[in-house]
PDB file of N, CA and C in Angstrom:
ATOM      1  N   MET A   1      93.647  78.290  86.422  1.00  0.00           N
ATOM      2  CA  MET A   1      94.426  79.380  85.936  1.00  0.00           C
ATOM      3  C   MET A   1      95.373  78.920  84.837  1.00  0.00           C
ATOM      4  N   GLN A   2      95.958  77.745  84.943  1.00  0.00           N
ATOM      5  CA  GLN A   2      96.885  77.264  83.930  1.00  0.00           C
ATOM      6  C   GLN A   2      96.194  77.137  82.582  1.00  0.00           C
ATOM      7  N   ARG A   3      94.932  76.697  82.584  1.00  0.00           N
ATOM      8  CA  ARG A   3      94.186  76.576  81.327  1.00  0.00           C
ATOM      9  C   ARG A   3      94.033  77.936  80.667  1.00  0.00           C
ATOM     10  N   THR A   4      93.713  78.955  81.468  1.00  0.00           N
ATOM     11  CA  THR A   4      93.508  80.288  80.916  1.00  0.00           C
ATOM     12  C   THR A   4      94.794  80.836  80.325  1.00  0.00           C
ATOM     13  N   VAL A   5      95.912  80.693  81.037  1.00  0.00           N
ATOM     14  CA  VAL A   5      97.190  81.188  80.527  1.00  0.00           C
ATOM     15  C   VAL A   5      97.567  80.428  79.265  1.00  0.00           C
ATOM     16  N   PHE A   6      97.351  79.108  79.236  1.00  0.00           N
ATOM     17  CA  PHE A   6      97.630  78.314  78.045  1.00  0.00           C
ATOM     18  C   PHE A   6      96.760  78.781  76.884  1.00  0.00           C
ATOM     19  N   ALA A   7      95.463  78.981  77.143  1.00  0.00           N
ATOM     20  CA  ALA A   7      94.555  79.432  76.091  1.00  0.00           C
ATOM     21  C   ALA A   7      94.976  80.806  75.582  1.00  0.00           C
ATOM     22  N   LEU A   8      95.416  81.667  76.468  1.00  0.00           N
ATOM     23  CA  LEU A   8      95.889  82.988  76.073  1.00  0.00           C
ATOM     24  C   LEU A   8      97.114  82.873  75.189  1.00  0.00           C
ATOM     25  N   ALA A   9      98.043  81.991  75.530  1.00  0.00           N
ATOM     26  CA  ALA A   9      99.252  81.789  74.728  1.00  0.00           C
ATOM     27  C   ALA A   9      98.893  81.261  73.344  1.00  0.00           C
ATOM     28  N   VAL A  10      97.936  80.353  73.275  1.00  0.00           N
ATOM     29  CA  VAL A  10      97.502  79.815  71.989  1.00  0.00           C
ATOM     30  C   VAL A  10      96.817  80.906  71.172  1.00  0.00           C
ATOM     31  N   LEU A  11      96.031  81.742  71.811  1.00  0.00           N
ATOM     32  CA  LEU A  11      95.319  82.814  71.133  1.00  0.00           C
ATOM     33  C   LEU A  11      96.280  83.765  70.427  1.00  0.00           C
ATOM     34  N   VAL A  12      97.332  84.197  71.098  1.00  0.00           N
ATOM     35  CA  VAL A  12      98.243  85.155  70.484  1.00  0.00           C
ATOM     36  C   VAL A  12      99.302  84.483  69.631  1.00  0.00           C
ATOM     37  N   ALA A  13      99.429  83.180  69.703  1.00  0.00           N
ATOM     38  CA  ALA A  13     100.430  82.484  68.893  1.00  0.00           C
ATOM     39  C   ALA A  13     100.169  82.695  67.406  1.00  0.00           C
ATOM     40  N   GLY A  14      98.913  82.759  67.042  1.00  0.00           N
ATOM     41  CA  GLY A  14      98.579  82.984  65.649  1.00  0.00           C
ATOM     42  C   GLY A  14      99.064  84.339  65.148  1.00  0.00           C
ATOM     43  N   ALA A  15      99.116  85.327  66.035  1.00  0.00           N
ATOM     44  CA  ALA A  15      99.587  86.653  65.650  1.00  0.00           C
ATOM     45  C   ALA A  15     101.103  86.716  65.657  1.00  0.00           C
ATOM     46  N   GLY A  16     101.763  85.736  66.246  1.00  0.00           N
ATOM     47  CA  GLY A  16     103.220  85.713  66.321  1.00  0.00           C
ATOM     48  C   GLY A  16     103.721  86.509  67.513  1.00  0.00           C
ATOM     49  N   PHE A  17     104.907  86.182  67.957  1.00  0.00           N
ATOM     50  CA  PHE A  17     105.506  86.867  69.084  1.00  0.00           C
ATOM     51  C   PHE A  17     106.653  87.730  68.613  1.00  0.00           C
ATOM     52  N   ARG A  18     106.922  88.788  69.335  1.00  0.00           N
ATOM     53  CA  ARG A  18     108.081  89.618  69.060  1.00  0.00           C
ATOM     54  C   ARG A  18     109.317  88.894  69.551  1.00  0.00           C
ATOM     55  N   PRO A  19     110.448  89.101  68.880  1.00  0.00           N
ATOM     56  CA  PRO A  19     111.688  88.560  69.422  1.00  0.00           C
ATOM     57  C   PRO A  19     111.918  89.158  70.807  1.00  0.00           C
ATOM     58  N   LEU A  20     112.444  88.353  71.726  1.00  0.00           N
ATOM     59  CA  LEU A  20     112.585  88.796  73.102  1.00  0.00           C
ATOM     60  C   LEU A  20     113.389  90.077  73.241  1.00  0.00           C
ATOM     61  N   ASP A  21     114.393  90.293  72.380  1.00  0.00           N
ATOM     62  CA  ASP A  21     115.199  91.501  72.517  1.00  0.00           C
ATOM     63  C   ASP A  21     114.531  92.722  71.898  1.00  0.00           C
ATOM     64  N   ALA A  22     113.379  92.572  71.261  1.00  0.00           N
ATOM     65  CA  ALA A  22     112.725  93.686  70.590  1.00  0.00           C
ATOM     66  C   ALA A  22     111.453  94.145  71.296  1.00  0.00           C
ATOM     67  N   VAL A  23     111.154  93.628  72.466  1.00  0.00           N
ATOM     68  CA  VAL A  23     109.929  93.988  73.158  1.00  0.00           C
ATOM     69  C   VAL A  23     110.070  95.385  73.747  1.00  0.00           C
ATOM     70  N   ALA A  24     109.289  96.306  73.222  1.00  0.00           N
ATOM     71  CA  ALA A  24     109.224  97.679  73.717  1.00  0.00           C
ATOM     72  C   ALA A  24     107.759  98.054  73.782  1.00  0.00           C
ATOM     73  N   ILE A  25     107.269  98.409  74.949  1.00  0.00           N
ATOM     74  CA  ILE A  25     105.833  98.604  75.094  1.00  0.00           C
ATOM     75  C   ILE A  25     105.421 100.000  75.532  1.00  0.00           C
ATOM     76  N   SER A  26     106.377 100.895  75.793  1.00  0.00           N
ATOM     77  CA  SER A  26     105.997 102.257  76.184  1.00  0.00           C
ATOM     78  C   SER A  26     105.200 102.898  75.064  1.00  0.00           C
ATOM     79  N   GLY A  27     104.095 103.519  75.430  1.00  0.00           N
ATOM     80  CA  GLY A  27     103.293 104.194  74.423  1.00  0.00           C
ATOM     81  C   GLY A  27     101.836 104.292  74.823  1.00  0.00           C
ATOM     82  N   SER A  28     101.024 104.754  73.885  1.00  0.00           N
ATOM     83  CA  SER A  28      99.585 104.930  74.094  1.00  0.00           C
ATOM     84  C   SER A  28      98.822 103.807  73.408  1.00  0.00           C
ATOM     85  N   TYR A  29      97.726 103.410  74.038  1.00  0.00           N
ATOM     86  CA  TYR A  29      96.910 102.304  73.547  1.00  0.00           C
ATOM     87  C   TYR A  29      95.431 102.639  73.696  1.00  0.00           C
ATOM     88  N   THR A  30      94.619 102.006  72.855  1.00  0.00           N
ATOM     89  CA  THR A  30      93.182 101.960  73.093  1.00  0.00           C
ATOM     90  C   THR A  30      92.901 100.573  73.651  1.00  0.00           C
ATOM     91  N   SER A  31      91.820 100.455  74.386  1.00  0.00           N
ATOM     92  CA  SER A  31      91.488  99.146  74.943  1.00  0.00           C
ATOM     93  C   SER A  31      89.994  99.060  75.187  1.00  0.00           C
ATOM     94  N   ASN A  32      89.558  97.853  75.517  1.00  0.00           N
ATOM     95  CA  ASN A  32      88.153  97.664  75.857  1.00  0.00           C
ATOM     96  C   ASN A  32      87.799  98.314  77.199  1.00  0.00           C
ATOM     97  N   TRP A  33      88.773  98.889  77.922  1.00  0.00           N
ATOM     98  CA  TRP A  33      88.542  99.638  79.161  1.00  0.00           C
ATOM     99  C   TRP A  33      88.989 101.080  79.004  1.00  0.00           C
ATOM    100  N   GLY A  34      89.067 101.575  77.765  1.00  0.00           N
ATOM    101  CA  GLY A  34      89.427 102.963  77.515  1.00  0.00           C
ATOM    102  C   GLY A  34      90.911 103.142  77.252  1.00  0.00           C
ATOM    103  N   PRO A  35      91.342 104.408  77.093  1.00  0.00           N
ATOM    104  CA  PRO A  35      92.740 104.705  76.799  1.00  0.00           C
ATOM    105  C   PRO A  35      93.691 104.247  77.903  1.00  0.00           C
ATOM    106  N   VAL A  36      94.884 103.800  77.477  1.00  0.00           N
ATOM    107  CA  VAL A  36      95.925 103.328  78.396  1.00  0.00           C
ATOM    108  C   VAL A  36      97.260 103.926  77.940  1.00  0.00           C
ATOM    109  N   VAL A  37      98.087 104.346  78.895  1.00  0.00           N
ATOM    110  CA  VAL A  37      99.451 104.785  78.600  1.00  0.00           C
ATOM    111  C   VAL A  37     100.390 103.928  79.436  1.00  0.00           C
ATOM    112  N   LEU A  38     101.366 103.293  78.769  1.00  0.00           N
ATOM    113  CA  LEU A  38     102.327 102.442  79.460  1.00  0.00           C
ATOM    114  C   LEU A  38     103.723 103.039  79.386  1.00  0.00           C
ATOM    115  N   HIS A  39     104.497 102.808  80.446  1.00  0.00           N
ATOM    116  CA  HIS A  39     105.876 103.267  80.544  1.00  0.00           C
ATOM    117  C   HIS A  39     106.736 102.056  80.882  1.00  0.00           C
ATOM    118  N   GLN A  40     107.836 101.904  80.177  1.00  0.00           N
ATOM    119  CA  GLN A  40     108.730 100.771  80.409  1.00  0.00           C
ATOM    120  C   GLN A  40     110.098 101.283  80.830  1.00  0.00           C
ATOM    121  N   ASP A  41     110.633 100.718  81.898  1.00  0.00           N
ATOM    122  CA  ASP A  41     111.995 101.006  82.352  1.00  0.00           C
ATOM    123  C   ASP A  41     112.651  99.651  82.582  1.00  0.00           C
ATOM    124  N   GLY A  42     113.365  99.155  81.577  1.00  0.00           N
ATOM    125  CA  GLY A  42     113.914  97.804  81.647  1.00  0.00           C
ATOM    126  C   GLY A  42     112.769  96.813  81.670  1.00  0.00           C
ATOM    127  N   ALA A  43     112.713  95.980  82.699  1.00  0.00           N
ATOM    128  CA  ALA A  43     111.644  94.992  82.821  1.00  0.00           C
ATOM    129  C   ALA A  43     110.428  95.532  83.557  1.00  0.00           C
ATOM    130  N   ARG A  44     110.539  96.694  84.174  1.00  0.00           N
ATOM    131  CA  ARG A  44     109.419  97.253  84.929  1.00  0.00           C
ATOM    132  C   ARG A  44     108.470  97.989  83.991  1.00  0.00           C
ATOM    133  N   VAL A  45     107.184  97.748  84.186  1.00  0.00           N
ATOM    134  CA  VAL A  45     106.141  98.373  83.383  1.00  0.00           C
ATOM    135  C   VAL A  45     105.164  99.049  84.336  1.00  0.00           C
ATOM    136  N   THR A  46     104.919 100.334  84.105  1.00  0.00           N
ATOM    137  CA  THR A  46     103.912 101.058  84.866  1.00  0.00           C
ATOM    138  C   THR A  46     102.963 101.702  83.867  1.00  0.00           C
ATOM    139  N   GLY A  47     101.798 102.090  84.343  1.00  0.00           N
ATOM    140  CA  GLY A  47     100.866 102.715  83.423  1.00  0.00           C
ATOM    141  C   GLY A  47      99.652 103.288  84.104  1.00  0.00           C
ATOM    142  N   GLU A  48      98.911 104.037  83.315  1.00  0.00           N
ATOM    143  CA  GLU A  48      97.669 104.636  83.754  1.00  0.00           C
ATOM    144  C   GLU A  48      96.607 104.318  82.722  1.00  0.00           C
ATOM    145  N   TYR A  49      95.400 104.121  83.208  1.00  0.00           N
ATOM    146  CA  TYR A  49      94.276 103.945  82.284  1.00  0.00           C
ATOM    147  C   TYR A  49      93.116 104.798  82.764  1.00  0.00           C
ATOM    148  N   GLU A  50      92.316 105.237  81.808  1.00  0.00           N
ATOM    149  CA  GLU A  50      91.257 106.207  82.087  1.00  0.00           C
ATOM    150  C   GLU A  50      90.165 105.657  82.990  1.00  0.00           C
ATOM    151  N   TYR A  51      89.777 104.410  82.798  1.00  0.00           N
ATOM    152  CA  TYR A  51      88.669 103.846  83.557  1.00  0.00           C
ATOM    153  C   TYR A  51      88.969 103.907  85.060  1.00  0.00           C
ATOM    154  N   ALA A  52      88.124 104.596  85.811  1.00  0.00           N
ATOM    155  CA  ALA A  52      88.218 104.707  87.274  1.00  0.00           C
ATOM    156  C   ALA A  52      89.590 105.209  87.746  1.00  0.00           C
ATOM    157  N   HIS A  53      90.253 106.008  86.911  1.00  0.00           N
ATOM    158  CA  HIS A  53      91.575 106.572  87.263  1.00  0.00           C
ATOM    159  C   HIS A  53      92.539 105.475  87.683  1.00  0.00           C
ATOM    160  N   GLY A  54      92.632 104.428  86.871  1.00  0.00           N
ATOM    161  CA  GLY A  54      93.403 103.240  87.214  1.00  0.00           C
ATOM    162  C   GLY A  54      94.894 103.361  86.972  1.00  0.00           C
ATOM    163  N   HIS A  55      95.626 102.535  87.703  1.00  0.00           N
ATOM    164  CA  HIS A  55      97.088 102.436  87.584  1.00  0.00           C
ATOM    165  C   HIS A  55      97.465 100.962  87.534  1.00  0.00           C
ATOM    166  N   LEU A  56      98.563 100.672  86.837  1.00  0.00           N
ATOM    167  CA  LEU A  56      99.086  99.310  86.875  1.00  0.00           C
ATOM    168  C   LEU A  56     100.600  99.350  87.059  1.00  0.00           C
ATOM    169  N   ASP A  57     101.111  98.276  87.626  1.00  0.00           N
ATOM    170  CA  ASP A  57     102.543  98.132  87.910  1.00  0.00           C
ATOM    171  C   ASP A  57     102.884  96.672  87.665  1.00  0.00           C
ATOM    172  N   GLY A  58     103.831  96.423  86.758  1.00  0.00           N
ATOM    173  CA  GLY A  58     104.116  95.048  86.401  1.00  0.00           C
ATOM    174  C   GLY A  58     105.559  94.791  86.033  1.00  0.00           C
ATOM    175  N   VAL A  59     105.809  93.545  85.657  1.00  0.00           N
ATOM    176  CA  VAL A  59     107.146  93.097  85.275  1.00  0.00           C
ATOM    177  C   VAL A  59     107.042  92.364  83.943  1.00  0.00           C
ATOM    178  N   LEU A  60     107.910  92.757  83.007  1.00  0.00           N
ATOM    179  CA  LEU A  60     108.002  92.122  81.707  1.00  0.00           C
ATOM    180  C   LEU A  60     109.000  90.972  81.800  1.00  0.00           C
ATOM    181  N   ASP A  61     108.561  89.781  81.389  1.00  0.00           N
ATOM    182  CA  ASP A  61     109.431  88.600  81.367  1.00  0.00           C
ATOM    183  C   ASP A  61     109.263  87.963  79.995  1.00  0.00           C
ATOM    184  N   GLY A  62     110.242  88.178  79.112  1.00  0.00           N
ATOM    185  CA  GLY A  62     110.103  87.715  77.736  1.00  0.00           C
ATOM    186  C   GLY A  62     109.053  88.541  77.038  1.00  0.00           C
ATOM    187  N   ASN A  63     107.971  87.898  76.620  1.00  0.00           N
ATOM    188  CA  ASN A  63     106.871  88.634  75.991  1.00  0.00           C
ATOM    189  C   ASN A  63     105.613  88.606  76.869  1.00  0.00           C
ATOM    190  N   MET A  64     105.783  88.339  78.160  1.00  0.00           N
ATOM    191  CA  MET A  64     104.664  88.290  79.090  1.00  0.00           C
ATOM    192  C   MET A  64     104.834  89.354  80.165  1.00  0.00           C
ATOM    193  N   ILE A  65     103.747  90.034  80.467  1.00  0.00           N
ATOM    194  CA  ILE A  65     103.737  91.026  81.536  1.00  0.00           C
ATOM    195  C   ILE A  65     102.774  90.537  82.607  1.00  0.00           C
ATOM    196  N   ARG A  66     103.269  90.390  83.813  1.00  0.00           N
ATOM    197  CA  ARG A  66     102.409  90.121  84.977  1.00  0.00           C
ATOM    198  C   ARG A  66     102.291  91.439  85.714  1.00  0.00           C
ATOM    199  N   TYR A  67     101.068  91.853  86.025  1.00  0.00           N
ATOM    200  CA  TYR A  67     100.869  93.175  86.600  1.00  0.00           C
ATOM    201  C   TYR A  67      99.838  93.157  87.727  1.00  0.00           C
ATOM    202  N   ALA A  68      99.908  94.189  88.548  1.00  0.00           N
ATOM    203  CA  ALA A  68      98.886  94.470  89.553  1.00  0.00           C
ATOM    204  C   ALA A  68      98.197  95.758  89.111  1.00  0.00           C
ATOM    205  N   TRP A  69      96.891  95.826  89.285  1.00  0.00           N
ATOM    206  CA  TRP A  69      96.151  97.032  88.956  1.00  0.00           C
ATOM    207  C   TRP A  69      95.442  97.545  90.201  1.00  0.00           C
ATOM    208  N   ARG A  70      95.202  98.854  90.196  1.00  0.00           N
ATOM    209  CA  ARG A  70      94.419  99.450  91.274  1.00  0.00           C
ATOM    210  C   ARG A  70      93.667 100.644  90.709  1.00  0.00           C
ATOM    211  N   GLU A  71      92.481 100.848  91.232  1.00  0.00           N
ATOM    212  CA  GLU A  71      91.635 101.952  90.788  1.00  0.00           C
ATOM    213  C   GLU A  71      90.664 102.283  91.895  1.00  0.00           C
ATOM    214  N   GLN A  72      89.875 103.313  91.694  1.00  0.00           N
ATOM    215  CA  GLN A  72      88.891 103.681  92.693  1.00  0.00           C
ATOM    216  C   GLN A  72      87.963 102.502  92.940  1.00  0.00           C
ATOM    217  N   GLY A  73      87.999 101.971  94.141  1.00  0.00           N
ATOM    218  CA  GLY A  73      87.096 100.893  94.504  1.00  0.00           C
ATOM    219  C   GLY A  73      87.556  99.488  94.176  1.00  0.00           C
ATOM    220  N   GLY A  74      88.782  99.284  93.726  1.00  0.00           N
ATOM    221  CA  GLY A  74      89.187  97.926  93.415  1.00  0.00           C
ATOM    222  C   GLY A  74      90.679  97.765  93.202  1.00  0.00           C
ATOM    223  N   ARG A  75      91.076  96.493  93.208  1.00  0.00           N
ATOM    224  CA  ARG A  75      92.468  96.135  92.923  1.00  0.00           C
ATOM    225  C   ARG A  75      92.486  94.688  92.479  1.00  0.00           C
ATOM    226  N   GLY A  76      93.574  94.305  91.820  1.00  0.00           N
ATOM    227  CA  GLY A  76      93.696  92.928  91.370  1.00  0.00           C
ATOM    228  C   GLY A  76      94.993  92.713  90.630  1.00  0.00           C
ATOM    229  N   GLN A  77      95.032  91.634  89.882  1.00  0.00           N
ATOM    230  CA  GLN A  77      96.211  91.257  89.128  1.00  0.00           C
ATOM    231  C   GLN A  77      95.797  90.872  87.719  1.00  0.00           C
ATOM    232  N   GLY A  78      96.799  90.743  86.846  1.00  0.00           N
ATOM    233  CA  GLY A  78      96.505  90.327  85.491  1.00  0.00           C
ATOM    234  C   GLY A  78      97.767  89.926  84.756  1.00  0.00           C
ATOM    235  N   VAL A  79      97.571  89.533  83.511  1.00  0.00           N
ATOM    236  CA  VAL A  79      98.683  89.106  82.665  1.00  0.00           C
ATOM    237  C   VAL A  79      98.404  89.540  81.232  1.00  0.00           C
ATOM    238  N   PHE A  80      99.444  90.027  80.545  1.00  0.00           N
ATOM    239  CA  PHE A  80      99.381  90.347  79.125  1.00  0.00           C
ATOM    240  C   PHE A  80     100.435  89.534  78.397  1.00  0.00           C
ATOM    241  N   VAL A  81     100.146  89.186  77.142  1.00  0.00           N
ATOM    242  CA  VAL A  81     101.144  88.630  76.231  1.00  0.00           C
ATOM    243  C   VAL A  81     101.311  89.662  75.119  1.00  0.00           C
ATOM    244  N   VAL A  82     102.572  89.999  74.798  1.00  0.00           N
ATOM    245  CA  VAL A  82     102.864  90.986  73.768  1.00  0.00           C
ATOM    246  C   VAL A  82     102.960  90.270  72.416  1.00  0.00           C
ATOM    247  N   ALA A  83     102.073  90.630  71.500  1.00  0.00           N
ATOM    248  CA  ALA A  83     102.070  90.034  70.160  1.00  0.00           C
ATOM    249  C   ALA A  83     103.038  90.783  69.246  1.00  0.00           C
ATOM    250  N   SER A  84     103.385  90.182  68.120  1.00  0.00           N
ATOM    251  CA  SER A  84     104.353  90.776  67.200  1.00  0.00           C
ATOM    252  C   SER A  84     103.868  92.089  66.600  1.00  0.00           C
ATOM    253  N   ASP A  85     102.565  92.316  66.560  1.00  0.00           N
ATOM    254  CA  ASP A  85     102.039  93.567  66.019  1.00  0.00           C
ATOM    255  C   ASP A  85     101.946  94.663  67.076  1.00  0.00           C
ATOM    256  N   GLY A  86     102.439  94.387  68.287  1.00  0.00           N
ATOM    257  CA  GLY A  86     102.439  95.381  69.352  1.00  0.00           C
ATOM    258  C   GLY A  86     101.224  95.353  70.246  1.00  0.00           C
ATOM    259  N   GLU A  87     100.220  94.551  69.895  1.00  0.00           N
ATOM    260  CA  GLU A  87      99.053  94.447  70.769  1.00  0.00           C
ATOM    261  C   GLU A  87      99.414  93.694  72.043  1.00  0.00           C
ATOM    262  N   LEU A  88      98.743  94.048  73.126  1.00  0.00           N
ATOM    263  CA  LEU A  88      98.861  93.319  74.382  1.00  0.00           C
ATOM    264  C   LEU A  88      97.521  92.636  74.605  1.00  0.00           C
ATOM    265  N   VAL A  89      97.528  91.330  74.686  1.00  0.00           N
ATOM    266  CA  VAL A  89      96.304  90.548  74.845  1.00  0.00           C
ATOM    267  C   VAL A  89      96.396  89.856  76.188  1.00  0.00           C
ATOM    268  N   GLY A  90      95.385  90.057  77.037  1.00  0.00           N
ATOM    269  CA  GLY A  90      95.500  89.472  78.356  1.00  0.00           C
ATOM    270  C   GLY A  90      94.194  89.346  79.105  1.00  0.00           C
ATOM    271  N   THR A  91      94.378  89.148  80.395  1.00  0.00           N
ATOM    272  CA  THR A  91      93.259  88.979  81.309  1.00  0.00           C
ATOM    273  C   THR A  91      93.517  89.804  82.563  1.00  0.00           C
ATOM    274  N   TRP A  92      92.447  90.027  83.321  1.00  0.00           N
ATOM    275  CA  TRP A  92      92.554  90.691  84.619  1.00  0.00           C
ATOM    276  C   TRP A  92      91.648  89.964  85.595  1.00  0.00           C
ATOM    277  N   GLY A  93      92.005  90.073  86.857  1.00  0.00           N
ATOM    278  CA  GLY A  93      91.209  89.451  87.901  1.00  0.00           C
ATOM    279  C   GLY A  93      91.122  90.360  89.110  1.00  0.00           C
ATOM    280  N   VAL A  94      90.342  89.963  90.081  1.00  0.00           N
ATOM    281  CA  VAL A  94      90.126  90.753  91.288  1.00  0.00           C
ATOM    282  C   VAL A  94      90.885  90.125  92.449  1.00  0.00           C
ATOM    283  N   ASP A  95      91.462  90.978  93.292  1.00  0.00           N
ATOM    284  CA  ASP A  95      92.259  90.562  94.438  1.00  0.00           C
ATOM    285  C   ASP A  95      93.420  89.694  93.973  1.00  0.00           C
ATOM    286  N   ASP A  96      93.524  88.444  94.434  1.00  0.00           N
ATOM    287  CA  ASP A  96      94.670  87.600  94.105  1.00  0.00           C
ATOM    288  C   ASP A  96      94.515  86.826  92.793  1.00  0.00           C
ATOM    289  N   ASP A  97      93.372  86.933  92.154  1.00  0.00           N
ATOM    290  CA  ASP A  97      93.118  86.227  90.904  1.00  0.00           C
ATOM    291  C   ASP A  97      93.595  87.079  89.728  1.00  0.00           C
ATOM    292  N   ASP A  98      94.087  86.458  88.653  1.00  0.00           N
ATOM    293  CA  ASP A  98      94.532  87.243  87.504  1.00  0.00           C
ATOM    294  C   ASP A  98      93.803  86.902  86.204  1.00  0.00           C
ATOM    295  N   THR A  99      92.698  86.162  86.290  1.00  0.00           N
ATOM    296  CA  THR A  99      92.011  85.783  85.059  1.00  0.00           C
ATOM    297  C   THR A  99      90.496  85.934  85.081  1.00  0.00           C
ATOM    298  N   ARG A 100      89.870  85.840  86.206  1.00  0.00           N
ATOM    299  CA  ARG A 100      88.414  85.715  86.247  1.00  0.00           C
ATOM    300  C   ARG A 100      87.642  87.000  86.011  1.00  0.00           C
ATOM    301  N   GLY A 101      88.330  88.144  85.974  1.00  0.00           N
ATOM    302  CA  GLY A 101      87.625  89.399  85.719  1.00  0.00           C
ATOM    303  C   GLY A 101      87.204  89.532  84.267  1.00  0.00           C
ATOM    304  N   GLY A 102      88.060  89.033  83.375  1.00  0.00           N
ATOM    305  CA  GLY A 102      87.738  89.116  81.966  1.00  0.00           C
ATOM    306  C   GLY A 102      88.957  89.400  81.119  1.00  0.00           C
ATOM    307  N   GLY A 103      88.704  89.684  79.860  1.00  0.00           N
ATOM    308  CA  GLY A 103      89.775  89.959  78.918  1.00  0.00           C
ATOM    309  C   GLY A 103      90.119  91.439  78.873  1.00  0.00           C
ATOM    310  N   TRP A 104      91.366  91.715  78.501  1.00  0.00           N
ATOM    311  CA  TRP A 104      91.817  93.100  78.329  1.00  0.00           C
ATOM    312  C   TRP A 104      92.765  93.109  77.145  1.00  0.00           C
ATOM    313  N   ARG A 105      92.395  93.833  76.113  1.00  0.00           N
ATOM    314  CA  ARG A 105      93.193  93.894  74.886  1.00  0.00           C
ATOM    315  C   ARG A 105      93.601  95.334  74.634  1.00  0.00           C
ATOM    316  N   LEU A 106      94.904  95.573  74.510  1.00  0.00           N
ATOM    317  CA  LEU A 106      95.442  96.898  74.253  1.00  0.00           C
ATOM    318  C   LEU A 106      95.986  96.950  72.836  1.00  0.00           C
ATOM    319  N   VAL A 107      95.541  97.947  72.065  1.00  0.00           N
ATOM    320  CA  VAL A 107      95.965  98.135  70.681  1.00  0.00           C
ATOM    321  C   VAL A 107      96.739  99.448  70.617  1.00  0.00           C
ATOM    322  N   PRO A 108      97.985  99.417  70.113  1.00  0.00           N
ATOM    323  CA  PRO A 108      98.780 100.656  70.079  1.00  0.00           C
ATOM    324  C   PRO A 108      98.140 101.738  69.220  1.00  0.00           C
ATOM    325  N   THR A 109      98.154 102.981  69.719  1.00  0.00           N
ATOM    326  CA  THR A 109      97.647 104.113  68.951  1.00  0.00           C
ATOM    327  C   THR A 109      98.780 105.062  68.569  1.00  0.00           C
ATOM    328  N   ALA A 110      99.902 104.947  69.251  1.00  0.00           N
ATOM    329  CA  ALA A 110     101.080 105.750  68.952  1.00  0.00           C
ATOM    330  C   ALA A 110     102.269 104.821  68.969  1.00  0.00           C
ATOM    331  N   PRO A 111     103.270 105.105  68.148  1.00  0.00           N
ATOM    332  CA  PRO A 111     104.439 104.222  68.128  1.00  0.00           C
ATOM    333  C   PRO A 111     105.026 104.039  69.523  1.00  0.00           C
ATOM    334  N   THR A 112     105.440 102.825  69.790  1.00  0.00           N
ATOM    335  CA  THR A 112     106.087 102.579  71.073  1.00  0.00           C
ATOM    336  C   THR A 112     107.473 103.187  71.051  1.00  0.00           C
ATOM    337  N   ILE A 113     107.945 103.516  72.225  1.00  0.00           N
ATOM    338  CA  ILE A 113     109.266 104.121  72.379  1.00  0.00           C
ATOM    339  C   ILE A 113     110.239 103.012  72.691  1.00  0.00           C
ATOM    340  N   ALA A 114     111.289 102.882  71.889  1.00  0.00           N
ATOM    341  CA  ALA A 114     112.271 101.812  72.113  1.00  0.00           C
ATOM    342  C   ALA A 114     112.890 101.963  73.484  1.00  0.00           C
ATOM    343  N   ARG A 115     113.153 100.820  74.103  1.00  0.00           N
ATOM    344  CA  ARG A 115     113.753 100.867  75.437  1.00  0.00           C
ATOM    345  C   ARG A 115     115.234 101.001  75.358  1.00  0.00           C
TER     346      ARG A 115
END
């Protein structure tokens, strides 16, 4: 898992990171798993995604979001890194794993709402 998180950090490093005080992620996104809407209340992040009527609940720490997801027929965990362009680049896993399910990339479609 450490290798995957390190590789993820290196991947988004090229895109640059947002300053920690400027991270605002509420808004609408497109993704490789369909449309996603995220809501931010301080460090708490919740959201809905179209695929299998999914929901996520997570915590923002700096520019990293650790989250749990649940949908019809499944649940798991994952991690996103917030890039300077507003994209969220991450991974998801099944049950207690947060990387082995695959990649998940969210691209903003509507301006994020400042926190």
